[in-house]
């Protein structure tokens, strides 16, 4: 099964980032093929929102909604099942100070297409 793992952190001023060596988590997963790809994202203030209304492409800068938490990175995991994905996520450094959201990929067949 393939899972998108969103790495979520707080925007609260007193939130302390986890200073753990992420390579201790990444390297074994990359070597095993369980982590397909992962990246850190720029802050929400660097985002661009795109939508089409009335046939016109509209863009705006910055986050679309105000929130206390933001997605700061992601990983795509290829694992046997949800239990394995949870085990992997529980060892991520951000599991201690932030949170990780696991979301399974769906196929077009799952959507009835």
PDB file of N, CA and C in Angstrom:
ATOM      1  N   UNK A   1       0.842  -1.184   0.000  1.00  0.00           N
ATOM      2  CA  UNK A   1       0.000   0.000   0.000  1.00  0.00           C
ATOM      3  C   UNK A   1       0.882   1.239   0.000  1.00  0.00           C
ATOM      4  N   UNK A   2       0.380   2.265  -0.637  1.00  0.00           N
ATOM      5  CA  UNK A   2       1.115   3.522  -0.704  1.00  0.00           C
ATOM      6  C   UNK A   2       0.383   4.555   0.156  1.00  0.00           C
ATOM      7  N   UNK A   3       1.150   5.255   0.997  1.00  0.00           N
ATOM      8  CA  UNK A   3       0.601   6.287   1.869  1.00  0.00           C
ATOM      9  C   UNK A   3       1.336   7.600   1.678  1.00  0.00           C
ATOM     10  N   UNK A   4       0.583   8.688   1.688  1.00  0.00           N
ATOM     11  CA  UNK A   4       1.167  10.025   1.787  1.00  0.00           C
ATOM     12  C   UNK A   4       1.221  10.328   3.276  1.00  0.00           C
ATOM     13  N   UNK A   5       2.376  10.707   3.763  1.00  0.00           N
ATOM     14  CA  UNK A   5       2.524  11.086   5.152  1.00  0.00           C
ATOM     15  C   UNK A   5       2.810  12.577   5.204  1.00  0.00           C
ATOM     16  N   UNK A   6       1.840  13.331   5.694  1.00  0.00           N
ATOM     17  CA  UNK A   6       2.014  14.771   5.864  1.00  0.00           C
ATOM     18  C   UNK A   6       2.691  15.025   7.197  1.00  0.00           C
ATOM     19  N   UNK A   7       3.721  15.853   7.183  1.00  0.00           N
ATOM     20  CA  UNK A   7       4.414  16.258   8.397  1.00  0.00           C
ATOM     21  C   UNK A   7       3.839  17.611   8.788  1.00  0.00           C
ATOM     22  N   UNK A   8       3.228  17.663   9.974  1.00  0.00           N
ATOM     23  CA  UNK A   8       2.495  18.851  10.401  1.00  0.00           C
ATOM     24  C   UNK A   8       3.164  19.441  11.632  1.00  0.00           C
ATOM     25  N   UNK A   9       3.291  20.763  11.641  1.00  0.00           N
ATOM     26  CA  UNK A   9       3.887  21.449  12.780  1.00  0.00           C
ATOM     27  C   UNK A   9       3.014  22.624  13.188  1.00  0.00           C
ATOM     28  N   UNK A  10       3.238  23.101  14.366  1.00  0.00           N
ATOM     29  CA  UNK A  10       2.480  24.210  14.914  1.00  0.00           C
ATOM     30  C   UNK A  10       3.129  25.536  14.528  1.00  0.00           C
ATOM     31  N   UNK A  11       2.287  26.551  14.338  1.00  0.00           N
ATOM     32  CA  UNK A  11       2.796  27.900  14.083  1.00  0.00           C
ATOM     33  C   UNK A  11       2.899  28.707  15.364  1.00  0.00           C
ATOM     34  N   UNK A  12       2.589  28.066  16.495  1.00  0.00           N
ATOM     35  CA  UNK A  12       2.633  28.771  17.772  1.00  0.00           C
ATOM     36  C   UNK A  12       4.049  29.243  18.052  1.00  0.00           C
ATOM     37  N   UNK A  13       4.196  30.491  18.557  1.00  0.00           N
ATOM     38  CA  UNK A  13       5.539  31.040  18.772  1.00  0.00           C
ATOM     39  C   UNK A  13       6.370  30.260  19.784  1.00  0.00           C
ATOM     40  N   UNK A  14       5.726  29.577  20.739  1.00  0.00           N
ATOM     41  CA  UNK A  14       6.498  28.863  21.753  1.00  0.00           C
ATOM     42  C   UNK A  14       6.757  27.406  21.388  1.00  0.00           C
ATOM     43  N   UNK A  15       6.318  26.985  20.196  1.00  0.00           N
ATOM     44  CA  UNK A  15       6.548  25.610  19.764  1.00  0.00           C
ATOM     45  C   UNK A  15       8.033  25.414  19.460  1.00  0.00           C
ATOM     46  N   UNK A  16       8.584  24.335  19.991  1.00  0.00           N
ATOM     47  CA  UNK A  16      10.000  24.053  19.777  1.00  0.00           C
ATOM     48  C   UNK A  16      10.166  23.021  18.674  1.00  0.00           C
ATOM     49  N   UNK A  17      10.937  23.358  17.639  1.00  0.00           N
ATOM     50  CA  UNK A  17      11.168  22.373  16.581  1.00  0.00           C
ATOM     51  C   UNK A  17      12.011  21.222  17.111  1.00  0.00           C
ATOM     52  N   UNK A  18      11.817  20.045  16.545  1.00  0.00           N
ATOM     53  CA  UNK A  18      12.590  18.888  16.934  1.00  0.00           C
ATOM     54  C   UNK A  18      13.951  18.977  16.251  1.00  0.00           C
ATOM     55  N   UNK A  19      14.994  18.970  17.022  1.00  0.00           N
ATOM     56  CA  UNK A  19      16.354  19.102  16.486  1.00  0.00           C
ATOM     57  C   UNK A  19      16.990  17.748  16.180  1.00  0.00           C
ATOM     58  N   UNK A  20      16.221  16.674  16.275  1.00  0.00           N
ATOM     59  CA  UNK A  20      16.760  15.333  16.026  1.00  0.00           C
ATOM     60  C   UNK A  20      17.357  15.234  14.628  1.00  0.00           C
ATOM     61  N   UNK A  21      18.278  14.335  14.484  1.00  0.00           N
ATOM     62  CA  UNK A  21      18.895  14.090  13.182  1.00  0.00           C
ATOM     63  C   UNK A  21      17.936  13.285  12.318  1.00  0.00           C
ATOM     64  N   UNK A  22      17.286  13.944  11.396  1.00  0.00           N
ATOM     65  CA  UNK A  22      16.289  13.301  10.535  1.00  0.00           C
ATOM     66  C   UNK A  22      16.914  12.190   9.700  1.00  0.00           C
ATOM     67  N   UNK A  23      18.210  12.280   9.455  1.00  0.00           N
ATOM     68  CA  UNK A  23      18.877  11.249   8.653  1.00  0.00           C
ATOM     69  C   UNK A  23      18.805   9.876   9.316  1.00  0.00           C
ATOM     70  N   UNK A  24      18.728   9.829  10.635  1.00  0.00           N
ATOM     71  CA  UNK A  24      18.607   8.551  11.338  1.00  0.00           C
ATOM     72  C   UNK A  24      17.271   7.883  11.038  1.00  0.00           C
ATOM     73  N   UNK A  25      16.277   8.671  10.672  1.00  0.00           N
ATOM     74  CA  UNK A  25      14.970   8.140  10.277  1.00  0.00           C
ATOM     75  C   UNK A  25      14.943   7.861   8.774  1.00  0.00           C
ATOM     76  N   UNK A  26      15.470   8.793   7.978  1.00  0.00           N
ATOM     77  CA  UNK A  26      15.388   8.722   6.519  1.00  0.00           C
ATOM     78  C   UNK A  26      16.251   7.602   5.927  1.00  0.00           C
ATOM     79  N   UNK A  27      17.503   7.541   6.323  1.00  0.00           N
ATOM     80  CA  UNK A  27      18.459   6.636   5.660  1.00  0.00           C
ATOM     81  C   UNK A  27      18.019   5.167   5.635  1.00  0.00           C
ATOM     82  N   UNK A  28      17.598   4.581   6.763  1.00  0.00           N
ATOM     83  CA  UNK A  28      17.182   3.174   6.703  1.00  0.00           C
ATOM     84  C   UNK A  28      15.928   2.959   5.856  1.00  0.00           C
ATOM     85  N   UNK A  29      15.001   3.917   5.881  1.00  0.00           N
ATOM     86  CA  UNK A  29      13.783   3.783   5.082  1.00  0.00           C
ATOM     87  C   UNK A  29      14.079   3.891   3.597  1.00  0.00           C
ATOM     88  N   UNK A  30      14.982   4.795   3.230  1.00  0.00           N
ATOM     89  CA  UNK A  30      15.382   4.902   1.824  1.00  0.00           C
ATOM     90  C   UNK A  30      16.070   3.621   1.364  1.00  0.00           C
ATOM     91  N   UNK A  31      16.929   3.087   2.212  1.00  0.00           N
ATOM     92  CA  UNK A  31      17.665   1.868   1.860  1.00  0.00           C
ATOM     93  C   UNK A  31      16.717   0.678   1.690  1.00  0.00           C
ATOM     94  N   UNK A  32      15.633   0.649   2.475  1.00  0.00           N
ATOM     95  CA  UNK A  32      14.696  -0.471   2.401  1.00  0.00           C
ATOM     96  C   UNK A  32      13.657  -0.301   1.292  1.00  0.00           C
ATOM     97  N   UNK A  33      13.579   0.904   0.721  1.00  0.00           N
ATOM     98  CA  UNK A  33      12.582   1.177  -0.308  1.00  0.00           C
ATOM     99  C   UNK A  33      11.206   1.507   0.252  1.00  0.00           C
ATOM    100  N   UNK A  34      11.084   1.607   1.567  1.00  0.00           N
ATOM    101  CA  UNK A  34       9.791   1.918   2.197  1.00  0.00           C
ATOM    102  C   UNK A  34       9.444   3.396   2.045  1.00  0.00           C
ATOM    103  N   UNK A  35      10.449   4.253   1.895  1.00  0.00           N
ATOM    104  CA  UNK A  35      10.230   5.680   1.678  1.00  0.00           C
ATOM    105  C   UNK A  35      10.528   5.954   0.213  1.00  0.00           C
ATOM    106  N   UNK A  36       9.493   6.327  -0.540  1.00  0.00           N
ATOM    107  CA  UNK A  36       9.642   6.554  -1.970  1.00  0.00           C
ATOM    108  C   UNK A  36      10.277   7.906  -2.228  1.00  0.00           C
ATOM    109  N   UNK A  37       9.788   8.930  -1.539  1.00  0.00           N
ATOM    110  CA  UNK A  37      10.310  10.295  -1.662  1.00  0.00           C
ATOM    111  C   UNK A  37       9.834  11.084  -0.455  1.00  0.00           C
ATOM    112  N   UNK A  38      10.544  12.123  -0.128  1.00  0.00           N
ATOM    113  CA  UNK A  38      10.145  13.035   0.939  1.00  0.00           C
ATOM    114  C   UNK A  38      10.825  14.361   0.747  1.00  0.00           C
ATOM    115  N   UNK A  39      10.140  15.414   1.121  1.00  0.00           N
ATOM    116  CA  UNK A  39      10.693  16.756   0.958  1.00  0.00           C
ATOM    117  C   UNK A  39      10.196  17.673   2.068  1.00  0.00           C
ATOM    118  N   UNK A  40      10.957  18.707   2.337  1.00  0.00           N
ATOM    119  CA  UNK A  40      10.552  19.786   3.230  1.00  0.00           C
ATOM    120  C   UNK A  40       9.917  20.854   2.354  1.00  0.00           C
ATOM    121  N   UNK A  41       8.839  21.466   2.839  1.00  0.00           N
ATOM    122  CA  UNK A  41       8.141  22.490   2.071  1.00  0.00           C
ATOM    123  C   UNK A  41       8.493  23.891   2.562  1.00  0.00           C
ATOM    124  N   UNK A  42       8.444  24.859   1.660  1.00  0.00           N
ATOM    125  CA  UNK A  42       8.613  26.267   2.027  1.00  0.00           C
ATOM    126  C   UNK A  42       7.445  26.672   2.926  1.00  0.00           C
ATOM    127  N   UNK A  43       7.576  27.763   3.671  1.00  0.00           N
ATOM    128  CA  UNK A  43       6.495  28.180   4.569  1.00  0.00           C
ATOM    129  C   UNK A  43       5.234  28.580   3.801  1.00  0.00           C
ATOM    130  N   UNK A  44       4.076  28.537   4.477  1.00  0.00           N
ATOM    131  CA  UNK A  44       2.814  28.894   3.818  1.00  0.00           C
ATOM    132  C   UNK A  44       2.826  30.290   3.196  1.00  0.00           C
ATOM    133  N   UNK A  45       3.615  31.195   3.741  1.00  0.00           N
ATOM    134  CA  UNK A  45       3.673  32.549   3.182  1.00  0.00           C
ATOM    135  C   UNK A  45       4.253  32.557   1.766  1.00  0.00           C
ATOM    136  N   UNK A  46       4.930  31.485   1.366  1.00  0.00           N
ATOM    137  CA  UNK A  46       5.480  31.373   0.017  1.00  0.00           C
ATOM    138  C   UNK A  46       4.531  30.669  -0.952  1.00  0.00           C
ATOM    139  N   UNK A  47       3.354  30.282  -0.466  1.00  0.00           N
ATOM    140  CA  UNK A  47       2.439  29.518  -1.312  1.00  0.00           C
ATOM    141  C   UNK A  47       1.667  30.418  -2.274  1.00  0.00           C
ATOM    142  N   UNK A  48       1.167  29.805  -3.320  1.00  0.00           N
ATOM    143  CA  UNK A  48       0.299  30.457  -4.293  1.00  0.00           C
ATOM    144  C   UNK A  48      -0.959  29.608  -4.428  1.00  0.00           C
ATOM    145  N   UNK A  49      -2.108  30.231  -4.262  1.00  0.00           N
ATOM    146  CA  UNK A  49      -3.390  29.539  -4.400  1.00  0.00           C
ATOM    147  C   UNK A  49      -3.896  29.770  -5.817  1.00  0.00           C
ATOM    148  N   UNK A  50      -4.319  28.702  -6.505  1.00  0.00           N
ATOM    149  CA  UNK A  50      -4.788  28.785  -7.890  1.00  0.00           C
ATOM    150  C   UNK A  50      -6.217  28.261  -7.951  1.00  0.00           C
ATOM    151  N   UNK A  51      -7.084  29.004  -8.614  1.00  0.00           N
ATOM    152  CA  UNK A  51      -8.449  28.531  -8.861  1.00  0.00           C
ATOM    153  C   UNK A  51      -8.948  29.127 -10.168  1.00  0.00           C
ATOM    154  N   UNK A  52      -9.950  28.488 -10.746  1.00  0.00           N
ATOM    155  CA  UNK A  52     -10.566  28.974 -11.983  1.00  0.00           C
ATOM    156  C   UNK A  52     -12.014  29.306 -11.672  1.00  0.00           C
ATOM    157  N   UNK A  53     -12.412  30.538 -11.967  1.00  0.00           N
ATOM    158  CA  UNK A  53     -13.784  30.994 -11.761  1.00  0.00           C
ATOM    159  C   UNK A  53     -14.223  31.753 -13.004  1.00  0.00           C
ATOM    160  N   UNK A  54     -15.358  31.350 -13.550  1.00  0.00           N
ATOM    161  CA  UNK A  54     -15.857  32.018 -14.749  1.00  0.00           C
ATOM    162  C   UNK A  54     -14.897  31.932 -15.918  1.00  0.00           C
ATOM    163  N   UNK A  55     -14.137  30.830 -15.993  1.00  0.00           N
ATOM    164  CA  UNK A  55     -13.183  30.645 -17.076  1.00  0.00           C
ATOM    165  C   UNK A  55     -11.886  31.414 -16.908  1.00  0.00           C
ATOM    166  N   UNK A  56     -11.733  32.136 -15.807  1.00  0.00           N
ATOM    167  CA  UNK A  56     -10.509  32.907 -15.561  1.00  0.00           C
ATOM    168  C   UNK A  56      -9.671  32.245 -14.478  1.00  0.00           C
ATOM    169  N   UNK A  57      -8.356  32.227 -14.695  1.00  0.00           N
ATOM    170  CA  UNK A  57      -7.426  31.710 -13.708  1.00  0.00           C
ATOM    171  C   UNK A  57      -7.140  32.817 -12.707  1.00  0.00           C
ATOM    172  N   UNK A  58      -7.423  32.528 -11.445  1.00  0.00           N
ATOM    173  CA  UNK A  58      -7.193  33.492 -10.368  1.00  0.00           C
ATOM    174  C   UNK A  58      -6.111  32.942  -9.449  1.00  0.00           C
ATOM    175  N   UNK A  59      -5.181  33.795  -9.062  1.00  0.00           N
ATOM    176  CA  UNK A  59      -4.133  33.396  -8.131  1.00  0.00           C
ATOM    177  C   UNK A  59      -4.074  34.385  -6.981  1.00  0.00           C
ATOM    178  N   UNK A  60      -3.659  33.887  -5.832  1.00  0.00           N
ATOM    179  CA  UNK A  60      -3.414  34.759  -4.684  1.00  0.00           C
ATOM    180  C   UNK A  60      -2.221  34.219  -3.922  1.00  0.00           C
ATOM    181  N   UNK A  61      -1.550  35.089  -3.209  1.00  0.00           N
ATOM    182  CA  UNK A  61      -0.359  34.707  -2.439  1.00  0.00           C
ATOM    183  C   UNK A  61      -0.757  34.271  -1.046  1.00  0.00           C
ATOM    184  N   UNK A  62       0.080  33.426  -0.475  1.00  0.00           N
ATOM    185  CA  UNK A  62      -0.085  33.060   0.916  1.00  0.00           C
ATOM    186  C   UNK A  62      -1.122  31.979   1.146  1.00  0.00           C
ATOM    187  N   UNK A  63      -1.267  31.604   2.402  1.00  0.00           N
ATOM    188  CA  UNK A  63      -2.197  30.509   2.710  1.00  0.00           C
ATOM    189  C   UNK A  63      -3.636  30.915   2.446  1.00  0.00           C
ATOM    190  N   UNK A  64      -4.418  29.929   2.072  1.00  0.00           N
ATOM    191  CA  UNK A  64      -5.834  30.141   1.772  1.00  0.00           C
ATOM    192  C   UNK A  64      -6.637  30.323   3.049  1.00  0.00           C
ATOM    193  N   UNK A  65      -6.287  29.596   4.105  1.00  0.00           N
ATOM    194  CA  UNK A  65      -6.987  29.687   5.378  1.00  0.00           C
ATOM    195  C   UNK A  65      -5.985  29.953   6.487  1.00  0.00           C
ATOM    196  N   UNK A  66      -6.459  30.585   7.541  1.00  0.00           N
ATOM    197  CA  UNK A  66      -5.605  30.777   8.708  1.00  0.00           C
ATOM    198  C   UNK A  66      -5.732  29.552   9.590  1.00  0.00           C
ATOM    199  N   UNK A  67      -4.604  29.086  10.070  1.00  0.00           N
ATOM    200  CA  UNK A  67      -4.593  27.889  10.892  1.00  0.00           C
ATOM    201  C   UNK A  67      -3.425  27.953  11.860  1.00  0.00           C
ATOM    202  N   UNK A  68      -3.515  27.194  12.934  1.00  0.00           N
ATOM    203  CA  UNK A  68      -2.424  27.148  13.910  1.00  0.00           C
ATOM    204  C   UNK A  68      -1.391  26.089  13.536  1.00  0.00           C
ATOM    205  N   UNK A  69      -1.733  25.227  12.584  1.00  0.00           N
ATOM    206  CA  UNK A  69      -0.825  24.166  12.163  1.00  0.00           C
ATOM    207  C   UNK A  69      -0.688  24.169  10.647  1.00  0.00           C
ATOM    208  N   UNK A  70       0.492  23.808  10.170  1.00  0.00           N
ATOM    209  CA  UNK A  70       0.737  23.779   8.730  1.00  0.00           C
ATOM    210  C   UNK A  70       1.489  22.515   8.347  1.00  0.00           C
ATOM    211  N   UNK A  71       1.314  22.102   7.101  1.00  0.00           N
ATOM    212  CA  UNK A  71       2.099  21.005   6.555  1.00  0.00           C
ATOM    213  C   UNK A  71       3.468  21.561   6.205  1.00  0.00           C
ATOM    214  N   UNK A  72       4.508  21.011   6.828  1.00  0.00           N
ATOM    215  CA  UNK A  72       5.860  21.530   6.588  1.00  0.00           C
ATOM    216  C   UNK A  72       6.693  20.568   5.748  1.00  0.00           C
ATOM    217  N   UNK A  73       6.135  19.394   5.446  1.00  0.00           N
ATOM    218  CA  UNK A  73       6.854  18.430   4.632  1.00  0.00           C
ATOM    219  C   UNK A  73       5.969  17.234   4.349  1.00  0.00           C
ATOM    220  N   UNK A  74       6.514  16.302   3.578  1.00  0.00           N
ATOM    221  CA  UNK A  74       5.764  15.095   3.245  1.00  0.00           C
ATOM    222  C   UNK A  74       6.724  13.964   2.927  1.00  0.00           C
ATOM    223  N   UNK A  75       6.202  12.765   3.058  1.00  0.00           N
ATOM    224  CA  UNK A  75       6.910  11.567   2.631  1.00  0.00           C
ATOM    225  C   UNK A  75       5.878  10.653   1.985  1.00  0.00           C
ATOM    226  N   UNK A  76       6.293   9.935   0.966  1.00  0.00           N
ATOM    227  CA  UNK A  76       5.449   8.899   0.378  1.00  0.00           C
ATOM    228  C   UNK A  76       6.035   7.562   0.806  1.00  0.00           C
ATOM    229  N   UNK A  77       5.202   6.758   1.453  1.00  0.00           N
ATOM    230  CA  UNK A  77       5.631   5.464   1.968  1.00  0.00           C
ATOM    231  C   UNK A  77       5.012   4.344   1.151  1.00  0.00           C
ATOM    232  N   UNK A  78       5.771   3.306   0.887  1.00  0.00           N
ATOM    233  CA  UNK A  78       5.284   2.092   0.222  1.00  0.00           C
ATOM    234  C   UNK A  78       5.467   0.963   1.225  1.00  0.00           C
ATOM    235  N   UNK A  79       4.350   0.528   1.819  1.00  0.00           N
ATOM    236  CA  UNK A  79       4.395  -0.429   2.920  1.00  0.00           C
ATOM    237  C   UNK A  79       3.364  -1.534   2.722  1.00  0.00           C
ATOM    238  N   UNK A  80       3.408  -2.537   3.589  1.00  0.00           N
ATOM    239  CA  UNK A  80       2.484  -3.667   3.506  1.00  0.00           C
ATOM    240  C   UNK A  80       1.070  -3.284   3.945  1.00  0.00           C
ATOM    241  N   UNK A  81       0.963  -2.451   4.998  1.00  0.00           N
ATOM    242  CA  UNK A  81      -0.354  -2.134   5.553  1.00  0.00           C
ATOM    243  C   UNK A  81      -0.277  -0.893   6.433  1.00  0.00           C
ATOM    244  N   UNK A  82      -1.428  -0.486   6.953  1.00  0.00           N
ATOM    245  CA  UNK A  82      -1.498   0.706   7.803  1.00  0.00           C
ATOM    246  C   UNK A  82      -0.657   0.538   9.065  1.00  0.00           C
ATOM    247  N   UNK A  83      -0.650  -0.639   9.646  1.00  0.00           N
ATOM    248  CA  UNK A  83       0.144  -0.857  10.856  1.00  0.00           C
ATOM    249  C   UNK A  83       1.621  -0.549  10.624  1.00  0.00           C
ATOM    250  N   UNK A  84       2.139  -0.962   9.480  1.00  0.00           N
ATOM    251  CA  UNK A  84       3.538  -0.680   9.167  1.00  0.00           C
ATOM    252  C   UNK A  84       3.758   0.813   8.967  1.00  0.00           C
ATOM    253  N   UNK A  85       2.806   1.492   8.317  1.00  0.00           N
ATOM    254  CA  UNK A  85       2.903   2.940   8.129  1.00  0.00           C
ATOM    255  C   UNK A  85       2.895   3.661   9.472  1.00  0.00           C
ATOM    256  N   UNK A  86       2.051   3.206  10.392  1.00  0.00           N
ATOM    257  CA  UNK A  86       1.998   3.809  11.727  1.00  0.00           C
ATOM    258  C   UNK A  86       3.312   3.609  12.462  1.00  0.00           C
ATOM    259  N   UNK A  87       3.866   2.433  12.370  1.00  0.00           N
ATOM    260  CA  UNK A  87       5.151   2.147  13.017  1.00  0.00           C
ATOM    261  C   UNK A  87       6.241   3.081  12.482  1.00  0.00           C
ATOM    262  N   UNK A  88       6.288   3.261  11.176  1.00  0.00           N
ATOM    263  CA  UNK A  88       7.273   4.159  10.562  1.00  0.00           C
ATOM    264  C   UNK A  88       7.034   5.601  11.016  1.00  0.00           C
ATOM    265  N   UNK A  89       5.785   6.038  10.981  1.00  0.00           N
ATOM    266  CA  UNK A  89       5.459   7.416  11.377  1.00  0.00           C
ATOM    267  C   UNK A  89       5.800   7.671  12.846  1.00  0.00           C
ATOM    268  N   UNK A  90       5.596   6.675  13.684  1.00  0.00           N
ATOM    269  CA  UNK A  90       5.851   6.853  15.117  1.00  0.00           C
ATOM    270  C   UNK A  90       7.325   7.086  15.425  1.00  0.00           C
ATOM    271  N   UNK A  91       8.195   6.716  14.510  1.00  0.00           N
ATOM    272  CA  UNK A  91       9.634   6.904  14.710  1.00  0.00           C
ATOM    273  C   UNK A  91      10.155   8.211  14.102  1.00  0.00           C
ATOM    274  N   UNK A  92       9.309   8.936  13.367  1.00  0.00           N
ATOM    275  CA  UNK A  92       9.712  10.208  12.766  1.00  0.00           C
ATOM    276  C   UNK A  92       9.938  11.233  13.881  1.00  0.00           C
ATOM    277  N   UNK A  93      11.001  12.034  13.816  1.00  0.00           N
ATOM    278  CA  UNK A  93      11.259  13.018  14.865  1.00  0.00           C
ATOM    279  C   UNK A  93      10.084  13.967  15.140  1.00  0.00           C
ATOM    280  N   UNK A  94       9.305  14.295  14.131  1.00  0.00           N
ATOM    281  CA  UNK A  94       8.194  15.224  14.332  1.00  0.00           C
ATOM    282  C   UNK A  94       7.012  14.587  15.068  1.00  0.00           C
ATOM    283  N   UNK A  95       7.042  13.275  15.273  1.00  0.00           N
ATOM    284  CA  UNK A  95       5.968  12.625  16.028  1.00  0.00           C
ATOM    285  C   UNK A  95       5.971  13.101  17.479  1.00  0.00           C
ATOM    286  N   UNK A  96       7.113  13.572  17.954  1.00  0.00           N
ATOM    287  CA  UNK A  96       7.226  14.019  19.342  1.00  0.00           C
ATOM    288  C   UNK A  96       6.772  15.456  19.552  1.00  0.00           C
ATOM    289  N   UNK A  97       6.950  16.329  18.568  1.00  0.00           N
ATOM    290  CA  UNK A  97       6.625  17.746  18.742  1.00  0.00           C
ATOM    291  C   UNK A  97       5.532  18.231  17.810  1.00  0.00           C
ATOM    292  N   UNK A  98       5.279  17.516  16.746  1.00  0.00           N
ATOM    293  CA  UNK A  98       4.255  17.893  15.780  1.00  0.00           C
ATOM    294  C   UNK A  98       3.288  16.732  15.646  1.00  0.00           C
ATOM    295  N   UNK A  99       2.890  16.454  14.434  1.00  0.00           N
ATOM    296  CA  UNK A  99       2.066  15.276  14.176  1.00  0.00           C
ATOM    297  C   UNK A  99       2.251  14.845  12.739  1.00  0.00           C
ATOM    298  N   UNK A 100       1.898  13.602  12.481  1.00  0.00           N
ATOM    299  CA  UNK A 100       2.018  13.032  11.148  1.00  0.00           C
ATOM    300  C   UNK A 100       0.658  12.500  10.749  1.00  0.00           C
ATOM    301  N   UNK A 101       0.231  12.856   9.555  1.00  0.00           N
ATOM    302  CA  UNK A 101      -1.047  12.367   9.035  1.00  0.00           C
ATOM    303  C   UNK A 101      -0.766  11.377   7.922  1.00  0.00           C
ATOM    304  N   UNK A 102      -1.291  10.178   8.061  1.00  0.00           N
ATOM    305  CA  UNK A 102      -1.143   9.144   7.039  1.00  0.00           C
ATOM    306  C   UNK A 102      -2.423   9.072   6.232  1.00  0.00           C
ATOM    307  N   UNK A 103      -2.285   9.183   4.917  1.00  0.00           N
ATOM    308  CA  UNK A 103      -3.456   9.099   4.049  1.00  0.00           C
ATOM    309  C   UNK A 103      -3.159   8.146   2.902  1.00  0.00           C
ATOM    310  N   UNK A 104      -3.975   7.074   2.766  1.00  0.00           N
ATOM    311  CA  UNK A 104      -3.716   6.116   1.696  1.00  0.00           C
ATOM    312  C   UNK A 104      -4.024   6.706   0.328  1.00  0.00           C
ATOM    313  N   UNK A 105      -3.266   6.257  -0.652  1.00  0.00           N
ATOM    314  CA  UNK A 105      -3.563   6.625  -2.036  1.00  0.00           C
ATOM    315  C   UNK A 105      -4.781   5.829  -2.476  1.00  0.00           C
ATOM    316  N   UNK A 106      -5.599   6.406  -3.332  1.00  0.00           N
ATOM    317  CA  UNK A 106      -6.736   5.712  -3.909  1.00  0.00           C
ATOM    318  C   UNK A 106      -6.468   5.489  -5.390  1.00  0.00           C
ATOM    319  N   UNK A 107      -7.055   4.456  -5.915  1.00  0.00           N
ATOM    320  CA  UNK A 107      -6.951   4.232  -7.358  1.00  0.00           C
ATOM    321  C   UNK A 107      -8.192   4.815  -8.033  1.00  0.00           C
ATOM    322  N   UNK A 108      -8.113   4.995  -9.327  1.00  0.00           N
ATOM    323  CA  UNK A 108      -9.290   5.487 -10.061  1.00  0.00           C
ATOM    324  C   UNK A 108     -10.443   4.511  -9.934  1.00  0.00           C
ATOM    325  N   UNK A 109     -10.123   3.220  -9.802  1.00  0.00           N
ATOM    326  CA  UNK A 109     -11.172   2.213  -9.627  1.00  0.00           C
ATOM    327  C   UNK A 109     -11.917   2.431  -8.307  1.00  0.00           C
ATOM    328  N   UNK A 110     -11.190   2.849  -7.266  1.00  0.00           N
ATOM    329  CA  UNK A 110     -11.818   3.146  -5.970  1.00  0.00           C
ATOM    330  C   UNK A 110     -12.821   4.284  -6.097  1.00  0.00           C
ATOM    331  N   UNK A 111     -12.590   5.159  -7.069  1.00  0.00           N
ATOM    332  CA  UNK A 111     -13.457   6.309  -7.266  1.00  0.00           C
ATOM    333  C   UNK A 111     -14.598   5.997  -8.236  1.00  0.00           C
ATOM    334  N   UNK A 112     -14.645   4.759  -8.737  1.00  0.00           N
ATOM    335  CA  UNK A 112     -15.708   4.367  -9.653  1.00  0.00           C
ATOM    336  C   UNK A 112     -15.516   4.843 -11.078  1.00  0.00           C
ATOM    337  N   UNK A 113     -14.272   5.097 -11.460  1.00  0.00           N
ATOM    338  CA  UNK A 113     -13.987   5.559 -12.821  1.00  0.00           C
ATOM    339  C   UNK A 113     -13.450   4.451 -13.667  1.00  0.00           C
TER     340      UNK A 113
END
